[in-house]
């Protein structure tokens, strides 16, 4: 089980473009006792908002929630960050200037600009002030786009035994891990390299009313993740050894160190997959939803196992950046000024799995890889598994929710 880091440790870990990590640190900062619950932040913010240029009132509960959500991968509004720091300093009787200096330094390090009142320190003055939003990666050949609609990546790691079924037509990667003929380096791959890769798991960005979670044996009880006025308990459940119940959503932000341009060749499970785990102790079901979302999506069937590239899905809304349409391979590149975000929809219906992904990429003709994970996805309950359902009156779970029978099927799975 992973160890929960303090907000100071989380903040020191953020790298250029790691806004998900920055927001995770913000949420950990907010949860230092006495916890600044979202419902109280508008009132608390109005008490110090006069000290933040450009704001005349504290934002709504929903805006505060989004500020601290690691599922959002763009830079948070610095004015709201400053306001949260000022609220925290007042509630904890701390020096606000020292705290603002700490948070603004990390904001600069991520690639943001908090304004002239918070200039970058001398050792970071040469860093780019902005990590640009995701740009479109337009395919050079129409046939390459066709691969997205039909492409299936056979996802066994290099050196592992491949499935008995033959590889499907239109694949973007071979069962042994190479890309299209002539495009993949043949030299042994090196772990790490110039890639900057961050993750967000297990909820869908901005709008998720369906992702349910479960906790393996030995994990914390559900009540410990459901304090009063908590907005979303699922991210800390996953961060503390839990996983999803059925469907889960992993965001990968693919970035590169300054001055580097990388070719993302393929994405597949690492050598740790598949690893089955015991049935969960409890399952917490969340109900609802708010429609389709836009982005570049991969479907990961953990039972087969098989990873499919669905391409760009959903309807793009006004103001949304265009998702990268190119197939993985020579046409899919990322750099510090041109990162890419992809979503992996992981589905389990016939087992309980612990899994990791491997990103194979190349830079300057040299092959590299980077593993991310492990993550957990569960769909099979045991005799002792209990289930929690939302309160029918409020539609949400709370710390007083009573356990009942385990669910008969996981989210996204057919009826038994």
Protein backbone atom coordinates (compact mmCIF):
# COMPACT_ATOMS: atom_id res chain seq x y z
CA UNK A 1 0.00 0.00 0.00
CA UNK A 2 1.35 3.42 -0.94
CA UNK A 3 2.40 5.95 1.70
CA UNK A 4 0.43 9.20 1.70
CA UNK A 5 2.77 12.15 1.13
CA UNK A 6 2.53 15.53 2.80
CA UNK A 7 1.67 18.59 0.73
CA UNK A 8 5.29 19.77 1.04
CA UNK A 9 6.56 16.49 -0.45
CA UNK A 10 3.96 16.55 -3.22
CA UNK A 11 4.79 20.15 -4.06
CA UNK A 12 8.53 19.47 -4.19
CA UNK A 13 7.90 16.61 -6.64
CA UNK A 14 6.13 18.68 -9.31
CA UNK A 15 7.97 19.10 -12.61
CA UNK A 16 7.33 21.28 -15.70
CA UNK A 17 3.78 20.74 -16.88
CA UNK A 18 2.76 18.62 -13.85
CA UNK A 19 -0.40 20.54 -13.02
CA UNK A 20 -2.12 17.36 -11.84
CA UNK A 21 0.62 17.00 -9.22
CA UNK A 22 0.32 20.68 -8.28
CA UNK A 23 -3.43 20.28 -7.74
CA UNK A 24 -2.85 17.11 -5.72
CA UNK A 25 -0.54 19.11 -3.45
CA UNK A 26 -3.23 21.81 -3.17
CA UNK A 27 -5.79 19.26 -2.04
CA UNK A 28 -3.37 17.77 0.51
CA UNK A 29 -2.66 21.33 1.71
CA UNK A 30 -6.41 21.96 2.11
CA UNK A 31 -6.85 18.74 4.12
CA UNK A 32 -4.30 19.61 6.83
CA UNK A 33 -6.33 19.70 10.09
CA UNK A 34 -8.42 21.69 10.67
CA UNK A 35 -9.59 20.70 7.18
CA UNK A 36 -10.76 23.53 4.92
CA UNK A 37 -13.93 21.86 3.67
CA UNK A 38 -15.21 23.06 0.30
CA UNK A 39 -18.58 24.17 1.68
CA UNK A 40 -16.86 26.69 3.99
CA UNK A 41 -14.27 28.05 1.54
CA UNK A 42 -16.55 30.69 -0.08
CA UNK A 43 -17.21 32.28 3.33
CA UNK A 44 -13.59 31.96 4.51
CA UNK A 45 -12.35 33.37 1.21
CA UNK A 46 -14.53 36.46 1.47
CA UNK A 47 -12.70 37.33 4.71
CA UNK A 48 -9.32 37.74 2.95
CA UNK A 49 -10.25 38.28 -0.70
CA UNK A 50 -9.44 42.01 -0.48
CA UNK A 51 -5.75 41.03 -0.32
CA UNK A 52 -5.84 39.28 -3.73
CA UNK A 53 -5.65 41.69 -6.71
CA UNK A 54 -8.21 40.89 -9.39
CA UNK A 55 -10.76 39.25 -7.08
CA UNK A 56 -13.71 40.90 -5.41
CA UNK A 57 -15.32 37.77 -3.96
CA UNK A 58 -14.48 34.17 -3.13
CA UNK A 59 -15.40 31.61 -5.83
CA UNK A 60 -18.19 29.06 -5.54
CA UNK A 61 -17.92 25.61 -3.95
CA UNK A 62 -17.73 24.04 -7.43
CA UNK A 63 -14.82 26.27 -8.44
CA UNK A 64 -12.97 25.46 -5.22
CA UNK A 65 -13.50 21.76 -5.91
CA UNK A 66 -12.07 22.07 -9.42
CA UNK A 67 -9.08 24.05 -8.14
CA UNK A 68 -8.01 21.05 -6.05
CA UNK A 69 -8.95 18.30 -8.51
CA UNK A 70 -5.91 16.39 -9.88
CA UNK A 71 -8.18 15.21 -12.72
CA UNK A 72 -7.82 18.70 -14.26
CA UNK A 73 -4.51 18.86 -16.09
CA UNK A 74 -4.31 22.58 -16.89
CA UNK A 75 -2.82 25.38 -14.81
CA UNK A 76 -5.09 26.51 -11.95
CA UNK A 77 -5.96 30.20 -11.72
CA UNK A 78 -3.19 31.69 -9.60
CA UNK A 79 -5.61 34.14 -7.96
CA UNK A 80 -7.52 31.21 -6.45
CA UNK A 81 -4.27 29.53 -5.37
CA UNK A 82 -3.24 32.72 -3.59
CA UNK A 83 -6.66 33.03 -1.98
CA UNK A 84 -6.49 29.43 -0.68
CA UNK A 85 -3.00 30.08 0.73
CA UNK A 86 -4.24 33.22 2.50
CA UNK A 87 -7.22 31.33 3.95
CA UNK A 88 -4.94 28.53 5.15
CA UNK A 89 -2.43 30.94 6.69
CA UNK A 90 -5.18 32.70 8.62
CA UNK A 91 -6.75 29.47 9.87
CA UNK A 92 -3.39 27.99 10.89
CA UNK A 93 -1.82 31.25 12.12
CA UNK A 94 1.12 30.93 9.71
CA UNK A 95 3.26 33.48 7.86
CA UNK A 96 1.40 34.04 4.61
CA UNK A 97 4.39 35.52 2.74
CA UNK A 98 6.52 32.41 3.29
CA UNK A 99 3.68 30.19 2.10
CA UNK A 100 3.02 32.32 -0.98
CA UNK A 101 6.71 32.18 -1.84
CA UNK A 102 6.64 28.35 -1.64
CA UNK A 103 3.52 27.98 -3.78
CA UNK A 104 4.59 30.60 -6.37
CA UNK A 105 8.00 28.92 -6.81
CA UNK A 106 6.29 25.62 -7.60
CA UNK A 107 3.86 27.45 -9.92
CA UNK A 108 6.83 28.84 -11.85
CA UNK A 109 8.49 25.41 -11.90
CA UNK A 110 5.39 23.89 -13.49
CA UNK A 111 5.58 26.50 -16.24
CA UNK A 112 3.04 29.04 -14.95
CA UNK A 113 3.27 32.77 -14.33
CA UNK A 114 1.74 34.03 -11.06
CA UNK A 115 2.36 37.64 -12.08
CA UNK A 116 4.87 40.41 -11.33
CA UNK A 117 4.25 40.30 -7.56
CA UNK A 118 5.80 36.81 -7.55
CA UNK A 119 8.86 36.87 -9.85
CA UNK A 120 10.69 33.59 -10.50
CA UNK A 121 13.70 32.87 -8.27
CA UNK A 122 17.12 33.37 -9.82
CA UNK A 123 17.69 29.62 -10.35
CA UNK A 124 14.44 29.33 -12.29
CA UNK A 125 14.48 32.59 -14.23
CA UNK A 126 15.42 30.83 -17.45
CA UNK A 127 12.52 28.38 -17.36
CA UNK A 128 9.70 28.91 -19.85
CA UNK A 129 6.85 30.73 -18.18
CA UNK A 130 4.14 28.79 -19.88
CA UNK A 131 3.79 25.18 -20.82
CA UNK A 132 1.48 25.48 -23.79
CA UNK A 133 -1.85 23.75 -23.89
CA UNK A 134 -2.25 20.62 -25.90
CA UNK A 135 -1.91 21.34 -29.63
CA UNK A 136 -3.34 19.36 -32.47
CA UNK A 137 -1.06 16.78 -34.04
CA UNK A 138 -2.46 16.58 -37.59
CA UNK A 139 -1.90 13.34 -39.48
CA UNK A 140 0.15 13.71 -42.65
CA UNK A 141 -1.57 10.86 -44.46
CA UNK A 142 -5.29 10.13 -44.54
CA UNK A 143 -4.57 6.42 -44.21
CA UNK A 144 -2.92 7.03 -40.85
CA UNK A 145 -6.19 8.40 -39.49
CA UNK A 146 -7.97 5.28 -40.64
CA UNK A 147 -5.69 3.26 -38.38
CA UNK A 148 -7.13 5.03 -35.35
CA UNK A 149 -10.65 3.80 -35.99
CA UNK A 150 -9.64 0.16 -36.38
CA UNK A 151 -6.29 -0.08 -34.57
CA UNK A 152 -5.77 -2.66 -31.86
CA UNK A 153 -2.57 -2.75 -29.83
CA UNK A 154 -1.66 -6.24 -28.69
CA UNK A 155 -0.35 -5.28 -25.31
CA UNK A 156 2.00 -7.98 -24.03
CA UNK A 157 5.35 -6.55 -22.88
CA UNK A 158 8.63 -7.24 -24.62
CA UNK A 159 9.77 -10.82 -23.98
CA UNK A 160 6.46 -12.06 -22.53
CA UNK A 161 4.43 -14.86 -24.08
CA UNK A 162 1.84 -13.44 -26.45
CA UNK A 163 -1.82 -14.53 -26.59
CA UNK A 164 -2.83 -17.53 -28.68
CA UNK A 165 -5.16 -15.42 -30.83
CA UNK A 166 -3.58 -13.92 -33.97
CA UNK A 167 -2.87 -10.20 -34.21
CA UNK A 168 -5.72 -8.25 -35.76
CA UNK A 169 -5.56 -6.36 -39.03
CA UNK A 170 -4.68 -2.69 -38.72
CA UNK A 171 -2.56 -2.90 -35.59
CA UNK A 172 -0.38 0.00 -34.58
CA UNK A 173 2.07 -2.15 -32.60
CA UNK A 174 3.24 -5.72 -32.82
CA UNK A 175 2.81 -8.35 -30.10
CA UNK A 176 6.54 -8.04 -29.38
CA UNK A 177 6.37 -4.30 -28.82
CA UNK A 178 7.52 -2.72 -32.10
CA UNK A 179 5.70 -0.12 -34.14
CA UNK A 180 5.10 -0.19 -37.89
CA UNK A 181 7.82 -1.77 -40.02
CA UNK A 182 10.91 0.39 -40.29
CA UNK A 183 9.85 2.84 -37.55
CA UNK A 184 10.88 1.13 -34.30
CA UNK A 185 14.46 1.15 -33.01
CA UNK A 186 15.95 -2.31 -32.53
CA UNK A 187 18.43 -1.45 -29.75
CA UNK A 188 17.55 -2.36 -26.13
CA UNK A 189 15.38 0.22 -24.45
CA UNK A 190 16.56 2.37 -21.54
CA UNK A 191 14.32 3.10 -18.57
CA UNK A 192 13.54 6.76 -17.96
CA UNK A 193 15.18 9.25 -20.28
CA UNK A 194 13.90 12.73 -21.20
CA UNK A 195 10.17 11.99 -20.90
CA UNK A 196 8.04 13.79 -18.29
CA UNK A 197 4.95 11.71 -17.57
CA UNK A 198 2.20 12.41 -15.06
CA UNK A 199 -1.00 10.50 -14.32
CA UNK A 200 -4.48 11.10 -12.96
CA UNK A 201 -6.61 8.16 -11.79
CA UNK A 202 -9.40 6.97 -11.49
CA UNK A 203 -12.10 9.56 -12.28
CA UNK A 204 -12.92 11.25 -15.57
CA UNK A 205 -11.92 14.91 -15.88
CA UNK A 206 -14.42 17.50 -14.68
CA UNK A 207 -17.53 15.36 -14.93
CA UNK A 208 -17.71 11.92 -13.36
CA UNK A 209 -20.83 10.58 -11.72
CA UNK A 210 -20.30 6.87 -12.30
CA UNK A 211 -16.80 5.67 -11.39
CA UNK A 212 -17.14 3.39 -8.35
CA UNK A 213 -14.33 2.21 -6.09
CA UNK A 214 -13.34 -0.79 -3.98
CA UNK A 215 -10.79 -1.56 -1.27
CA UNK A 216 -8.74 -4.78 -0.95
CA UNK A 217 -8.30 -6.61 2.34
CA UNK A 218 -6.30 -4.65 4.89
CA UNK A 219 -7.26 -1.25 3.53
CA UNK A 220 -8.91 1.65 5.31
CA UNK A 221 -12.67 1.64 5.93
CA UNK A 222 -14.90 3.71 3.68
CA UNK A 223 -15.82 6.10 6.50
CA UNK A 224 -12.22 7.35 6.70
CA UNK A 225 -12.57 8.76 3.17
CA UNK A 226 -15.93 10.44 3.78
CA UNK A 227 -15.45 13.45 6.07
CA UNK A 228 -18.22 16.00 6.34
CA UNK A 229 -18.69 18.03 3.13
CA UNK A 230 -16.11 16.02 1.22
CA UNK A 231 -16.65 16.52 -2.50
CA UNK A 232 -15.06 13.40 -3.94
CA UNK A 233 -13.58 10.49 -1.99
CA UNK A 234 -12.56 8.30 -4.95
CA UNK A 235 -9.12 9.75 -5.70
CA UNK A 236 -7.79 9.23 -2.13
CA UNK A 237 -9.30 5.72 -2.11
CA UNK A 238 -7.21 4.82 -5.17
CA UNK A 239 -4.15 6.57 -3.71
CA UNK A 240 -4.42 4.49 -0.53
CA UNK A 241 -4.38 1.01 -2.06
CA UNK A 242 -7.91 0.91 -3.47
CA UNK A 243 -9.04 0.66 -7.05
CA UNK A 244 -12.03 0.92 -9.32
CA UNK A 245 -15.09 -1.31 -9.36
CA UNK A 246 -15.39 -2.17 -13.03
CA UNK A 247 -14.51 0.88 -15.11
CA UNK A 248 -11.80 3.43 -14.32
CA UNK A 249 -10.14 6.27 -16.20
CA UNK A 250 -6.40 6.91 -16.34
CA UNK A 251 -5.11 10.17 -17.84
CA UNK A 252 -1.54 10.22 -19.13
CA UNK A 253 0.10 13.59 -19.69
CA UNK A 254 3.02 12.99 -22.05
CA UNK A 255 5.61 15.74 -21.90
CA UNK A 256 9.36 16.17 -22.45
CA UNK A 257 12.26 18.00 -20.90
CA UNK A 258 13.00 21.42 -22.38
CA UNK A 259 14.40 21.30 -25.89
CA UNK A 260 13.51 17.63 -26.49
CA UNK A 261 11.03 16.20 -28.99
CA UNK A 262 9.98 12.60 -28.39
CA UNK A 263 8.22 10.02 -30.58
CA UNK A 264 5.59 8.09 -28.60
CA UNK A 265 5.72 4.65 -30.21
CA UNK A 266 3.24 2.62 -28.20
CA UNK A 267 1.51 2.14 -24.85
CA UNK A 268 1.18 -1.34 -23.33
CA UNK A 269 1.14 -3.10 -19.93
CA UNK A 270 4.47 -3.54 -18.21
CA UNK A 271 5.89 -6.95 -17.23
CA UNK A 272 3.93 -6.87 -13.95
CA UNK A 273 0.67 -7.50 -15.80
CA UNK A 274 -1.42 -9.48 -15.24
CA UNK A 275 -1.36 -9.83 -11.46
CA UNK A 276 -4.61 -10.95 -9.85
CA UNK A 277 -5.56 -9.80 -6.37
CA UNK A 278 -8.05 -11.03 -3.77
CA UNK A 279 -11.70 -9.90 -3.68
CA UNK A 280 -12.26 -6.49 -2.12
CA UNK A 281 -13.32 -5.90 1.47
CA UNK A 282 -15.85 -3.26 0.45
CA UNK A 283 -17.29 -1.67 -2.67
CA UNK A 284 -18.70 1.87 -2.82
CA UNK A 285 -21.06 2.47 -5.74
CA UNK A 286 -21.53 5.96 -7.17
CA UNK A 287 -24.51 6.65 -9.39
CA UNK A 288 -25.17 9.31 -11.99
CA UNK A 289 -23.27 10.93 -14.83
CA UNK A 290 -23.34 13.91 -17.13
CA UNK A 291 -22.80 12.66 -20.67
CA UNK A 292 -19.91 12.04 -22.99
CA UNK A 293 -16.52 13.71 -22.75
CA UNK A 294 -14.06 14.78 -25.43
CA UNK A 295 -10.51 13.49 -25.84
CA UNK A 296 -8.08 10.91 -27.19
CA UNK A 297 -9.15 7.56 -25.75
CA UNK A 298 -7.72 4.04 -25.48
CA UNK A 299 -9.89 1.15 -24.30
CA UNK A 300 -8.14 -1.38 -22.06
CA UNK A 301 -10.00 -4.68 -21.62
CA UNK A 302 -8.23 -6.21 -18.62
CA UNK A 303 -9.95 -9.59 -18.99
CA UNK A 304 -8.66 -10.40 -22.51
CA UNK A 305 -6.21 -8.47 -22.20
CA UNK A 306 -6.35 -6.04 -25.12
CA UNK A 307 -5.77 -2.34 -25.66
CA UNK A 308 -7.65 -0.57 -28.47
CA UNK A 309 -7.00 2.90 -29.80
CA UNK A 310 -10.40 4.54 -30.31
CA UNK A 311 -8.92 7.80 -31.54
CA UNK A 312 -10.59 11.09 -30.71
CA UNK A 313 -14.06 10.59 -29.21
CA UNK A 314 -16.83 12.84 -27.94
CA UNK A 315 -17.95 16.27 -29.02
CA UNK A 316 -15.47 19.09 -28.64
CA UNK A 317 -16.90 22.00 -26.67
CA UNK A 318 -16.20 25.68 -27.23
CA UNK A 319 -12.81 26.58 -25.78
CA UNK A 320 -11.53 23.00 -25.53
CA UNK A 321 -8.13 22.31 -27.06
CA UNK A 322 -8.11 19.84 -29.94
CA UNK A 323 -7.08 16.32 -28.92
CA UNK A 324 -4.16 14.67 -30.77
CA UNK A 325 -5.54 12.48 -33.62
CA UNK A 326 -2.37 10.78 -34.89
CA UNK A 327 -1.75 7.06 -34.39
CA UNK A 328 1.06 6.17 -32.02
CA UNK A 329 4.33 5.99 -33.91
CA UNK A 330 6.44 8.45 -35.94
CA UNK A 331 3.54 10.89 -36.34
CA UNK A 332 2.86 11.18 -32.60
CA UNK A 333 5.41 13.53 -31.06
CA UNK A 334 5.52 15.52 -27.82
CA UNK A 335 7.76 18.27 -26.48
CA UNK A 336 7.84 20.69 -23.56
CA UNK A 337 5.83 23.21 -25.59
CA UNK A 338 3.57 20.59 -27.19
CA UNK A 339 2.48 17.96 -24.63
CA UNK A 340 -0.28 15.43 -25.25
CA UNK A 341 -3.00 14.05 -23.00
CA UNK A 342 -4.56 10.64 -23.60
CA UNK A 343 -7.14 8.74 -21.58
CA UNK A 344 -7.09 5.01 -20.93
CA UNK A 345 -10.50 3.57 -20.04
CA UNK A 346 -9.69 0.41 -18.07
CA UNK A 347 -12.46 -2.19 -17.72
CA UNK A 348 -12.54 -5.33 -15.58
CA UNK A 349 -15.52 -7.71 -15.53
CA UNK A 350 -14.07 -11.18 -14.84
CA UNK A 351 -11.36 -10.64 -12.27
CA UNK A 352 -9.52 -8.39 -9.84
CA UNK A 353 -6.29 -7.03 -11.27
CA UNK A 354 -3.24 -4.98 -10.39
CA UNK A 355 -1.74 -3.55 -13.57
CA UNK A 356 0.80 -1.08 -14.90
CA UNK A 357 1.41 0.53 -18.27
CA UNK A 358 4.61 0.97 -20.24
CA UNK A 359 5.14 3.87 -22.62
CA UNK A 360 7.70 3.05 -25.31
CA UNK A 361 9.21 6.11 -26.97
CA UNK A 362 12.35 7.30 -28.72
CA UNK A 363 14.46 10.43 -28.69
CA UNK A 364 17.21 11.24 -31.17
CA UNK A 365 17.03 7.69 -32.53
CA UNK A 366 17.49 6.07 -29.11
CA UNK A 367 14.75 3.83 -27.60
CA UNK A 368 13.43 4.40 -24.09
CA UNK A 369 10.52 3.27 -21.93
CA UNK A 370 8.68 4.55 -18.89
CA UNK A 371 6.40 2.50 -16.61
CA UNK A 372 3.43 3.98 -14.74
CA UNK A 373 1.41 2.32 -12.01
CA UNK A 374 0.50 0.00 -10.49
CA UNK A 375 -3.25 0.58 -10.55
CA UNK A 376 -6.05 -1.69 -9.35
CA UNK A 377 -9.30 -2.64 -11.08
CA UNK A 378 -11.77 -5.05 -9.45
CA UNK A 379 -15.04 -6.69 -10.51
CA UNK A 380 -15.36 -9.90 -8.47
CA UNK A 381 -16.69 -9.80 -4.91
CA UNK A 382 -16.09 -12.44 -2.24
CA UNK A 383 -18.27 -13.89 0.51
CA UNK A 384 -17.14 -11.22 2.96
CA UNK A 385 -17.34 -8.24 0.58
CA UNK A 386 -19.84 -5.58 1.61
CA UNK A 387 -21.40 -2.88 -0.54
CA UNK A 388 -22.29 0.75 0.03
CA UNK A 389 -24.94 2.58 -1.97
CA UNK A 390 -25.72 6.32 -2.09
CA UNK A 391 -28.38 7.68 0.24
CA UNK A 392 -31.62 7.61 -1.83
CA UNK A 393 -32.62 11.00 -0.42
CA UNK A 394 -29.38 12.84 -1.24
CA UNK A 395 -27.81 10.66 -3.94
CA UNK A 396 -24.41 10.68 -2.20
CA UNK A 397 -22.44 8.52 0.19
CA UNK A 398 -21.54 9.80 3.64
CA UNK A 399 -19.59 8.58 6.65
CA UNK A 400 -22.78 7.21 8.21
CA UNK A 401 -23.67 5.05 5.19
CA UNK A 402 -24.59 1.53 6.24
CA UNK A 403 -23.05 -1.50 4.46
CA UNK A 404 -25.24 -3.94 2.59
CA UNK A 405 -24.84 -6.84 0.15
CA UNK A 406 -22.01 -6.65 -2.36
CA UNK A 407 -23.01 -5.47 -5.86
CA UNK A 408 -23.87 -8.27 -8.29
CA UNK A 409 -22.00 -6.64 -11.17
CA UNK A 410 -19.31 -4.02 -11.62
CA UNK A 411 -19.72 -0.71 -13.43
CA UNK A 412 -19.70 -1.14 -17.20
CA UNK A 413 -20.17 -4.92 -17.09
CA UNK A 414 -23.11 -6.94 -18.49
CA UNK A 415 -25.64 -8.57 -16.20
CA UNK A 416 -24.46 -11.97 -14.86
